[in-house]
């Protein structure tokens, strides 16, 4: 396989996860799916975006970081491809949209 890290990115509900699952299966690759269901701040964000945006974004950033770190410390990493249904840089993009001022500057430090 020419590429060892394949990312499927797009709009919500576009089929990223379905496509990533198919690629991972066809390539016998490790699959990393975005874990949005376990973000305890997401329901609160939808109720009060301004108050909870920082916590939502920080939770996603930490989750993506730990997931990618755990996947890349494995000894078979160089032999097995990695397929993700998210781009790590998505954290910075969403933060730039949902955060401002001191919260955005603090997020960018992380």
N, C-alpha and C. Protein backbone atom coordinates (compact mmCIF):
# COMPACT_ATOMS: atom_id res chain seq x y z
N UNK A 1 0.85 -1.18 0.00
CA UNK A 1 0.00 0.00 0.00
C UNK A 1 0.89 1.24 0.00
N UNK A 2 0.61 2.16 -0.87
CA UNK A 2 1.40 3.37 -1.01
C UNK A 2 1.27 4.29 0.19
N UNK A 3 0.06 4.45 0.72
CA UNK A 3 -0.18 5.34 1.85
C UNK A 3 -0.47 4.53 3.11
N UNK A 4 0.07 4.99 4.22
CA UNK A 4 -0.11 4.28 5.49
C UNK A 4 -1.15 4.93 6.38
N UNK A 5 -1.55 6.16 6.07
CA UNK A 5 -2.54 6.87 6.88
C UNK A 5 -3.54 7.52 5.93
N UNK A 6 -4.76 6.97 5.93
CA UNK A 6 -5.82 7.47 5.06
C UNK A 6 -6.88 8.13 5.93
N UNK A 7 -7.29 9.33 5.54
CA UNK A 7 -8.29 10.08 6.30
C UNK A 7 -9.49 10.33 5.40
N UNK A 8 -10.67 10.05 5.93
CA UNK A 8 -11.92 10.36 5.25
C UNK A 8 -12.52 11.54 6.02
N UNK A 9 -12.72 12.66 5.35
CA UNK A 9 -13.25 13.84 6.01
C UNK A 9 -14.38 14.41 5.16
N UNK A 10 -15.33 15.04 5.81
CA UNK A 10 -16.47 15.63 5.10
C UNK A 10 -17.53 16.10 6.06
N UNK A 11 -18.65 16.45 5.51
CA UNK A 11 -19.77 16.98 6.31
C UNK A 11 -20.38 15.91 7.20
N UNK A 12 -21.07 16.36 8.23
CA UNK A 12 -21.79 15.45 9.12
C UNK A 12 -22.83 14.70 8.31
N UNK A 13 -22.86 13.39 8.48
CA UNK A 13 -23.84 12.56 7.80
C UNK A 13 -23.50 12.23 6.35
N UNK A 14 -22.30 12.55 5.92
CA UNK A 14 -21.93 12.31 4.52
C UNK A 14 -21.52 10.86 4.25
N UNK A 15 -21.31 10.08 5.29
CA UNK A 15 -20.90 8.69 5.10
C UNK A 15 -19.43 8.44 5.35
N UNK A 16 -18.76 9.34 6.07
CA UNK A 16 -17.32 9.19 6.35
C UNK A 16 -17.03 7.88 7.07
N UNK A 17 -17.77 7.60 8.11
CA UNK A 17 -17.51 6.40 8.90
C UNK A 17 -17.77 5.14 8.10
N UNK A 18 -18.84 5.13 7.33
CA UNK A 18 -19.13 3.95 6.48
C UNK A 18 -18.01 3.71 5.49
N UNK A 19 -17.54 4.76 4.85
CA UNK A 19 -16.45 4.62 3.88
C UNK A 19 -15.15 4.21 4.58
N UNK A 20 -14.87 4.80 5.72
CA UNK A 20 -13.66 4.45 6.46
C UNK A 20 -13.69 2.99 6.89
N UNK A 21 -14.84 2.52 7.33
CA UNK A 21 -14.97 1.11 7.71
C UNK A 21 -14.70 0.19 6.51
N UNK A 22 -15.22 0.57 5.37
CA UNK A 22 -15.03 -0.23 4.16
C UNK A 22 -13.56 -0.26 3.76
N UNK A 23 -12.92 0.93 3.75
CA UNK A 23 -11.49 0.99 3.42
C UNK A 23 -10.68 0.15 4.39
N UNK A 24 -10.94 0.30 5.68
CA UNK A 24 -10.18 -0.44 6.69
C UNK A 24 -10.35 -1.94 6.49
N UNK A 25 -11.56 -2.36 6.19
CA UNK A 25 -11.81 -3.78 5.96
C UNK A 25 -11.08 -4.26 4.70
N UNK A 26 -11.22 -3.52 3.62
CA UNK A 26 -10.60 -3.92 2.35
C UNK A 26 -9.07 -3.92 2.43
N UNK A 27 -8.50 -3.02 3.23
CA UNK A 27 -7.05 -2.88 3.33
C UNK A 27 -6.46 -3.62 4.52
N UNK A 28 -7.30 -4.28 5.30
CA UNK A 28 -6.86 -4.91 6.56
C UNK A 28 -6.11 -3.89 7.41
N UNK A 29 -6.69 -2.71 7.51
CA UNK A 29 -6.07 -1.59 8.23
C UNK A 29 -6.72 -1.40 9.58
N UNK A 30 -6.03 -0.68 10.44
CA UNK A 30 -6.60 -0.27 11.72
C UNK A 30 -7.57 0.87 11.47
N UNK A 31 -8.74 0.79 12.08
CA UNK A 31 -9.76 1.82 11.92
C UNK A 31 -9.84 2.68 13.18
N UNK A 32 -9.79 3.99 12.99
CA UNK A 32 -10.02 4.93 14.09
C UNK A 32 -11.25 5.75 13.76
N UNK A 33 -12.26 5.64 14.61
CA UNK A 33 -13.49 6.39 14.41
C UNK A 33 -13.59 7.50 15.45
N UNK A 34 -14.10 8.64 15.01
CA UNK A 34 -14.28 9.76 15.94
C UNK A 34 -15.29 9.36 17.01
N UNK A 35 -14.95 9.61 18.25
CA UNK A 35 -15.78 9.22 19.38
C UNK A 35 -16.59 10.43 19.87
N UNK A 36 -17.60 10.80 19.11
CA UNK A 36 -18.40 11.96 19.50
C UNK A 36 -19.47 11.59 20.52
N UNK A 37 -19.84 10.33 20.58
CA UNK A 37 -20.91 9.91 21.49
C UNK A 37 -20.52 10.02 22.96
N UNK A 38 -19.22 9.94 23.25
CA UNK A 38 -18.77 9.99 24.64
C UNK A 38 -18.28 11.37 25.06
N UNK A 39 -18.62 12.39 24.29
CA UNK A 39 -18.26 13.75 24.68
C UNK A 39 -19.39 14.29 25.56
N UNK A 40 -19.17 14.37 26.88
CA UNK A 40 -20.25 14.77 27.79
C UNK A 40 -20.67 16.23 27.62
N UNK A 41 -19.86 17.02 26.93
CA UNK A 41 -20.17 18.43 26.76
C UNK A 41 -20.98 18.72 25.51
N UNK A 42 -21.10 17.75 24.62
CA UNK A 42 -21.80 17.98 23.35
C UNK A 42 -23.27 18.35 23.55
N UNK A 43 -24.05 17.62 24.36
CA UNK A 43 -25.45 18.04 24.58
C UNK A 43 -25.54 19.43 25.21
N UNK A 44 -24.62 19.72 26.11
CA UNK A 44 -24.61 21.04 26.75
C UNK A 44 -24.26 22.13 25.74
N UNK A 45 -23.37 21.80 24.81
CA UNK A 45 -22.99 22.76 23.78
C UNK A 45 -24.20 23.15 22.93
N UNK A 46 -25.01 22.17 22.57
CA UNK A 46 -26.19 22.47 21.75
C UNK A 46 -27.20 23.33 22.50
N UNK A 47 -27.20 23.25 23.83
CA UNK A 47 -28.09 24.09 24.63
C UNK A 47 -27.53 25.50 24.82
N UNK A 48 -26.19 25.59 24.94
CA UNK A 48 -25.56 26.88 25.20
C UNK A 48 -24.17 26.89 24.55
N UNK A 49 -24.11 27.11 23.23
CA UNK A 49 -22.85 27.02 22.50
C UNK A 49 -21.74 27.93 23.03
N UNK A 50 -22.08 29.13 23.36
CA UNK A 50 -21.04 30.07 23.80
C UNK A 50 -20.37 29.60 25.10
N UNK A 51 -21.14 29.05 25.98
CA UNK A 51 -20.60 28.62 27.27
C UNK A 51 -19.78 27.33 27.18
N UNK A 52 -20.20 26.40 26.31
CA UNK A 52 -19.59 25.07 26.30
C UNK A 52 -18.69 24.78 25.10
N UNK A 53 -18.51 25.72 24.20
CA UNK A 53 -17.70 25.48 23.00
C UNK A 53 -16.27 25.07 23.35
N UNK A 54 -15.66 25.76 24.30
CA UNK A 54 -14.27 25.44 24.66
C UNK A 54 -14.16 24.01 25.19
N UNK A 55 -15.06 23.63 26.07
CA UNK A 55 -15.01 22.29 26.65
C UNK A 55 -15.26 21.21 25.60
N UNK A 56 -16.19 21.46 24.69
CA UNK A 56 -16.45 20.50 23.61
C UNK A 56 -15.20 20.32 22.76
N UNK A 57 -14.61 21.43 22.34
CA UNK A 57 -13.43 21.36 21.47
C UNK A 57 -12.24 20.72 22.18
N UNK A 58 -12.04 21.06 23.44
CA UNK A 58 -10.93 20.48 24.19
C UNK A 58 -11.11 18.97 24.37
N UNK A 59 -12.33 18.54 24.63
CA UNK A 59 -12.61 17.11 24.77
C UNK A 59 -12.32 16.38 23.46
N UNK A 60 -12.76 16.95 22.33
CA UNK A 60 -12.48 16.32 21.04
C UNK A 60 -10.98 16.28 20.76
N UNK A 61 -10.28 17.36 21.04
CA UNK A 61 -8.84 17.41 20.82
C UNK A 61 -8.12 16.34 21.62
N UNK A 62 -8.44 16.25 22.91
CA UNK A 62 -7.80 15.26 23.78
C UNK A 62 -8.12 13.84 23.31
N UNK A 63 -9.36 13.60 22.94
CA UNK A 63 -9.74 12.27 22.46
C UNK A 63 -9.01 11.87 21.20
N UNK A 64 -8.94 12.80 20.24
CA UNK A 64 -8.23 12.51 18.98
C UNK A 64 -6.75 12.28 19.24
N UNK A 65 -6.17 13.11 20.09
CA UNK A 65 -4.74 12.95 20.40
C UNK A 65 -4.46 11.58 21.00
N UNK A 66 -5.21 11.21 22.02
CA UNK A 66 -4.97 9.93 22.69
C UNK A 66 -5.23 8.75 21.75
N UNK A 67 -6.25 8.86 20.94
CA UNK A 67 -6.56 7.78 20.01
C UNK A 67 -5.43 7.60 18.99
N UNK A 68 -4.97 8.69 18.41
CA UNK A 68 -3.87 8.59 17.44
C UNK A 68 -2.57 8.16 18.10
N UNK A 69 -2.29 8.67 19.28
CA UNK A 69 -1.06 8.27 19.97
C UNK A 69 -1.09 6.78 20.27
N UNK A 70 -2.19 6.29 20.79
CA UNK A 70 -2.29 4.86 21.12
C UNK A 70 -2.17 3.99 19.87
N UNK A 71 -2.70 4.46 18.76
CA UNK A 71 -2.64 3.67 17.52
C UNK A 71 -1.24 3.67 16.92
N UNK A 72 -0.47 4.71 17.16
CA UNK A 72 0.84 4.81 16.50
C UNK A 72 2.00 4.29 17.34
N UNK A 73 1.76 3.85 18.55
CA UNK A 73 2.85 3.30 19.35
C UNK A 73 2.95 1.78 19.22
N UNK A 74 2.06 1.21 18.45
CA UNK A 74 2.08 -0.24 18.26
C UNK A 74 3.27 -0.65 17.39
N UNK A 75 3.86 -1.80 17.66
CA UNK A 75 5.02 -2.24 16.87
C UNK A 75 4.70 -2.54 15.41
N UNK A 76 3.45 -2.88 15.09
CA UNK A 76 3.10 -3.22 13.71
C UNK A 76 2.67 -2.00 12.90
N UNK A 77 2.85 -0.81 13.44
CA UNK A 77 2.39 0.41 12.77
C UNK A 77 2.99 0.55 11.38
N UNK A 78 4.25 0.20 11.23
CA UNK A 78 4.90 0.39 9.94
C UNK A 78 4.40 -0.60 8.89
N UNK A 79 3.78 -1.65 9.33
CA UNK A 79 3.28 -2.65 8.39
C UNK A 79 1.80 -2.49 8.09
N UNK A 80 1.05 -1.94 9.02
CA UNK A 80 -0.39 -1.87 8.86
C UNK A 80 -0.84 -0.43 8.62
N UNK A 81 -1.77 -0.26 7.70
CA UNK A 81 -2.31 1.06 7.40
C UNK A 81 -3.27 1.50 8.50
N UNK A 82 -3.49 2.79 8.55
CA UNK A 82 -4.40 3.40 9.52
C UNK A 82 -5.43 4.19 8.74
N UNK A 83 -6.71 3.93 8.99
CA UNK A 83 -7.80 4.65 8.32
C UNK A 83 -8.61 5.35 9.39
N UNK A 84 -8.81 6.66 9.21
CA UNK A 84 -9.55 7.48 10.18
C UNK A 84 -10.75 8.13 9.51
N UNK A 85 -11.82 8.32 10.29
CA UNK A 85 -12.97 9.05 9.76
C UNK A 85 -12.95 10.50 10.23
N UNK A 86 -11.76 10.99 10.57
CA UNK A 86 -11.58 12.40 10.94
C UNK A 86 -10.13 12.80 10.69
N UNK A 87 -9.93 14.06 10.50
CA UNK A 87 -8.60 14.64 10.35
C UNK A 87 -8.24 15.32 11.66
N UNK A 88 -7.07 15.02 12.20
CA UNK A 88 -6.69 15.61 13.49
C UNK A 88 -6.75 17.14 13.44
N UNK A 89 -6.37 17.73 12.33
CA UNK A 89 -6.38 19.19 12.21
C UNK A 89 -7.79 19.78 12.26
N UNK A 90 -8.79 18.92 12.20
CA UNK A 90 -10.17 19.38 12.30
C UNK A 90 -10.40 20.11 13.62
N UNK A 91 -9.68 19.72 14.65
CA UNK A 91 -9.82 20.39 15.95
C UNK A 91 -9.51 21.88 15.83
N UNK A 92 -8.43 22.20 15.16
CA UNK A 92 -8.05 23.61 15.00
C UNK A 92 -9.07 24.36 14.15
N UNK A 93 -9.58 23.72 13.12
CA UNK A 93 -10.57 24.36 12.26
C UNK A 93 -11.85 24.67 13.03
N UNK A 94 -12.38 23.68 13.73
CA UNK A 94 -13.62 23.91 14.48
C UNK A 94 -13.40 24.91 15.60
N UNK A 95 -12.26 24.85 16.25
CA UNK A 95 -11.98 25.81 17.33
C UNK A 95 -11.95 27.23 16.78
N UNK A 96 -11.40 27.41 15.60
CA UNK A 96 -11.34 28.76 15.02
C UNK A 96 -12.72 29.29 14.68
N UNK A 97 -13.68 28.40 14.51
CA UNK A 97 -15.06 28.80 14.21
C UNK A 97 -15.87 29.03 15.49
N UNK A 98 -15.67 28.16 16.49
CA UNK A 98 -16.52 28.19 17.67
C UNK A 98 -15.96 28.99 18.83
N UNK A 99 -14.64 29.25 18.82
CA UNK A 99 -14.01 29.95 19.95
C UNK A 99 -13.51 31.32 19.52
N UNK A 100 -13.30 32.17 20.50
CA UNK A 100 -12.72 33.48 20.21
C UNK A 100 -11.95 33.97 21.43
N UNK A 101 -11.17 35.00 21.23
CA UNK A 101 -10.46 35.64 22.33
C UNK A 101 -9.54 34.72 23.09
N UNK A 102 -9.60 34.83 24.41
CA UNK A 102 -8.71 34.06 25.29
C UNK A 102 -8.92 32.55 25.16
N UNK A 103 -10.17 32.12 24.95
CA UNK A 103 -10.41 30.69 24.80
C UNK A 103 -9.72 30.14 23.56
N UNK A 104 -9.79 30.86 22.45
CA UNK A 104 -9.12 30.40 21.24
C UNK A 104 -7.61 30.39 21.41
N UNK A 105 -7.06 31.40 22.02
CA UNK A 105 -5.60 31.44 22.25
C UNK A 105 -5.16 30.29 23.16
N UNK A 106 -5.93 30.00 24.19
CA UNK A 106 -5.60 28.89 25.09
C UNK A 106 -5.70 27.56 24.33
N UNK A 107 -6.74 27.40 23.55
CA UNK A 107 -6.90 26.17 22.78
C UNK A 107 -5.73 25.98 21.82
N UNK A 108 -5.32 27.05 21.16
CA UNK A 108 -4.21 26.96 20.21
C UNK A 108 -2.90 26.57 20.89
N UNK A 109 -2.74 26.91 22.16
CA UNK A 109 -1.54 26.48 22.89
C UNK A 109 -1.53 24.97 23.07
N UNK A 110 -2.68 24.38 23.24
CA UNK A 110 -2.77 22.92 23.42
C UNK A 110 -2.54 22.25 22.10
